[in-house]
Amino acid sequence: MEYTTAEEYLAGKIKKVTLPSVTATGKHPVFVIRKIPPKAALELADLLELPEDVDLENINEALSSIDVKEKLPELIDTIIPACVVKPRIKKEKKNEECPKCLCIDDLEIEDLVALFEEILEFNGLTAKGIKKRQKFRRESSGSIGRSSRSKNRKAAD
């Protein structure tokens, strides 16, 4: 039996993002982001002091009740290094462990904001993503309910 390669496993869990700044070669940088890993998700929940029972349906409401601006530096320090796959980004300056890594302070503000927004959107953590998921769940549960109701009506007839 063949095993799953890293590329196969990550397909659909990573995304290329074109950033707004321009490099010295005149091109827009392209980074690769990933879904928020479980460890980072736990760190976020702890950082934002979210209730243990909060789910994705209620996370937008929970986030809106928190002063996110106050926690923004910590959110960035958690989300960006955990979710940017290429090039690697570290919280601190480059070191011997990762000499080719960028650090958060190397990024231009417009790129940092773009990455942060793309990661949230890719994970469905924007208002638009949450509404889309809620609509899907309503439609899914509604179609199940309708089909069982129509079966019951046919049985009664």
Protein backbone atom coordinates (compact mmCIF):
# COMPACT_ATOMS: atom_id res chain seq x y z
CA MET A 1 0.00 0.00 0.00
CA GLU A 2 1.28 3.46 -0.93
CA TYR A 3 1.43 6.18 1.65
CA THR A 4 0.11 9.71 1.21
CA THR A 5 2.76 12.24 0.28
CA ALA A 6 2.99 15.61 1.99
CA GLU A 7 1.90 17.28 -1.24
CA GLU A 8 -1.21 15.08 -1.51
CA TYR A 9 -2.14 15.70 2.12
CA LEU A 10 -1.67 19.46 1.84
CA ALA A 11 -3.58 19.84 -1.44
CA GLY A 12 -6.49 22.13 -0.71
CA LYS A 13 -4.99 23.11 2.63
CA ILE A 14 -2.53 25.56 1.13
CA LYS A 15 -3.01 28.55 -1.13
CA LYS A 16 -0.78 30.94 -3.09
CA VAL A 17 -1.30 34.60 -2.24
CA THR A 18 -0.05 37.55 -4.30
CA LEU A 19 0.90 40.46 -2.06
CA PRO A 20 0.41 44.14 -2.90
CA SER A 21 4.02 45.35 -2.56
CA VAL A 22 6.52 45.17 -5.40
CA THR A 23 9.97 43.58 -5.15
CA ALA A 24 13.18 45.05 -6.57
CA THR A 25 12.58 42.98 -9.72
CA GLY A 26 9.23 44.72 -10.25
CA LYS A 27 7.10 41.69 -9.35
CA HIS A 28 4.54 41.23 -6.62
CA PRO A 29 5.71 38.73 -3.99
CA VAL A 30 3.84 35.42 -3.92
CA PHE A 31 3.62 33.62 -0.58
CA VAL A 32 2.05 30.27 0.29
CA ILE A 33 -0.35 30.13 3.23
CA ARG A 34 -2.01 27.22 5.00
CA LYS A 35 -5.04 26.58 7.18
CA ILE A 36 -4.53 27.46 10.84
CA PRO A 37 -2.89 24.43 12.49
CA PRO A 38 -4.48 23.01 15.66
CA LYS A 39 -1.73 24.23 17.99
CA ALA A 40 -2.05 27.81 16.70
CA ALA A 41 -5.85 27.59 16.93
CA LEU A 42 -5.53 26.67 20.60
CA GLU A 43 -3.09 29.53 21.15
CA LEU A 44 -5.58 31.92 19.48
CA ALA A 45 -8.48 30.72 21.61
CA ASP A 46 -6.35 31.20 24.71
CA LEU A 47 -5.06 34.60 23.58
CA LEU A 48 -8.58 35.83 22.81
CA GLU A 49 -9.94 34.25 26.01
CA LEU A 50 -12.68 32.52 24.04
CA PRO A 51 -15.06 30.24 25.94
CA GLU A 52 -14.19 26.56 25.59
CA ASP A 53 -17.54 25.82 23.94
CA VAL A 54 -17.23 28.46 21.19
CA ASP A 55 -17.60 27.02 17.71
CA LEU A 56 -17.02 28.49 14.28
CA GLU A 57 -20.65 29.58 14.06
CA ASN A 58 -20.24 31.85 17.09
CA ILE A 59 -16.60 32.84 16.72
CA ASN A 60 -17.42 36.04 14.84
CA GLU A 61 -19.68 37.14 17.69
CA ALA A 62 -17.02 36.18 20.23
CA LEU A 63 -14.37 38.09 18.28
CA SER A 64 -16.57 41.17 17.97
CA SER A 65 -16.88 41.37 21.75
CA ILE A 66 -13.09 41.56 22.13
CA ASP A 67 -10.90 44.58 21.49
CA VAL A 68 -9.00 42.92 18.64
CA LYS A 69 -6.87 46.02 18.04
CA GLU A 70 -5.47 45.64 21.54
CA LYS A 71 -4.49 42.04 20.78
CA LEU A 72 -3.48 42.57 17.14
CA PRO A 73 0.31 42.32 17.67
CA GLU A 74 -0.13 39.01 19.52
CA LEU A 75 -2.58 37.75 16.88
CA ILE A 76 -0.07 38.57 14.15
CA ASP A 77 2.76 36.91 16.10
CA THR A 78 0.67 33.75 16.36
CA ILE A 79 -1.10 33.56 12.99
CA ILE A 80 1.55 34.74 10.51
CA PRO A 81 4.42 32.37 11.49
CA ALA A 82 2.00 29.44 11.89
CA CYS A 83 0.20 29.92 8.58
CA VAL A 84 2.79 31.24 6.10
CA VAL A 85 4.48 28.20 4.59
CA LYS A 86 6.73 29.85 1.99
CA PRO A 87 8.81 31.80 2.61
CA ARG A 88 9.06 30.85 6.28
CA ILE A 89 8.38 33.73 8.66
CA LYS A 90 9.59 33.83 12.25
CA LYS A 91 8.60 36.13 15.09
CA GLU A 92 12.21 37.07 15.79
CA LYS A 93 15.08 38.16 13.60
CA LYS A 94 16.87 35.64 11.43
CA ASN A 95 19.08 33.19 13.26
CA GLU A 96 21.33 30.22 12.60
CA GLU A 97 18.35 27.87 12.70
CA CYS A 98 16.67 29.60 9.76
CA PRO A 99 19.05 32.00 7.99
CA LYS A 100 16.78 32.42 4.95
CA CYS A 101 13.60 33.05 6.96
CA LEU A 102 11.93 36.41 7.08
CA CYS A 103 10.87 37.89 10.38
CA ILE A 104 7.55 39.65 10.86
CA ASP A 105 9.31 43.02 11.03
CA ASP A 106 10.77 42.43 7.54
CA LEU A 107 7.29 42.64 6.01
CA GLU A 108 5.75 45.85 4.72
CA ILE A 109 2.55 46.77 6.54
CA GLU A 110 0.40 46.33 3.42
CA ASP A 111 1.76 42.80 2.92
CA LEU A 112 1.27 41.93 6.58
CA VAL A 113 -2.35 43.10 6.49
CA ALA A 114 -2.96 41.25 3.19
CA LEU A 115 -1.52 38.01 4.62
CA PHE A 116 -3.54 38.33 7.82
CA GLU A 117 -6.79 38.94 5.91
CA GLU A 118 -6.11 36.13 3.41
CA ILE A 119 -5.41 33.65 6.22
CA LEU A 120 -8.63 34.58 8.03
CA GLU A 121 -10.62 34.32 4.79
CA PHE A 122 -8.97 31.00 3.81
CA ASN A 123 -9.98 29.62 7.20
CA GLY A 124 -13.55 30.91 6.90
CA LEU A 125 -13.10 33.28 9.84
CA THR A 126 -14.43 36.38 8.14
CA ALA A 127 -18.07 37.42 8.37
CA LYS A 128 -18.47 36.36 4.72
CA GLY A 129 -17.03 32.89 5.40
CA ILE A 130 -19.20 32.35 8.46
CA LYS A 131 -22.36 33.41 6.57
CA LYS A 132 -21.45 31.07 3.71
CA ARG A 133 -21.00 28.15 6.14
CA GLN A 134 -24.29 28.97 7.93
CA LYS A 135 -26.13 29.12 4.59
CA PHE A 136 -24.65 25.77 3.55
CA ARG A 137 -25.72 24.17 6.84
CA ARG A 138 -29.25 25.60 6.58
CA GLU A 139 -29.60 24.37 3.01
CA SER A 140 -28.19 20.96 3.91
CA SER A 141 -30.45 20.48 6.91
CA GLY A 142 -33.42 21.98 5.05
CA SER A 143 -33.11 19.57 2.14
CA ILE A 144 -32.89 16.62 4.53
CA GLY A 145 -35.95 17.85 6.38
CA ARG A 146 -37.93 18.37 3.17
CA SER A 147 -37.12 14.97 1.78
CA SER A 148 -38.15 13.20 4.97
CA ARG A 149 -41.35 15.29 5.17
CA SER A 150 -42.24 14.45 1.58
CA LYS A 151 -41.66 10.76 2.32
CA ASN A 152 -43.98 11.02 5.30
CA ARG A 153 -46.66 12.73 3.16
CA LYS A 154 -46.40 10.02 0.52
CA ALA A 155 -46.72 7.34 3.18
CA ALA A 156 -49.82 9.07 4.60
CA ASP A 157 -51.44 9.29 1.15
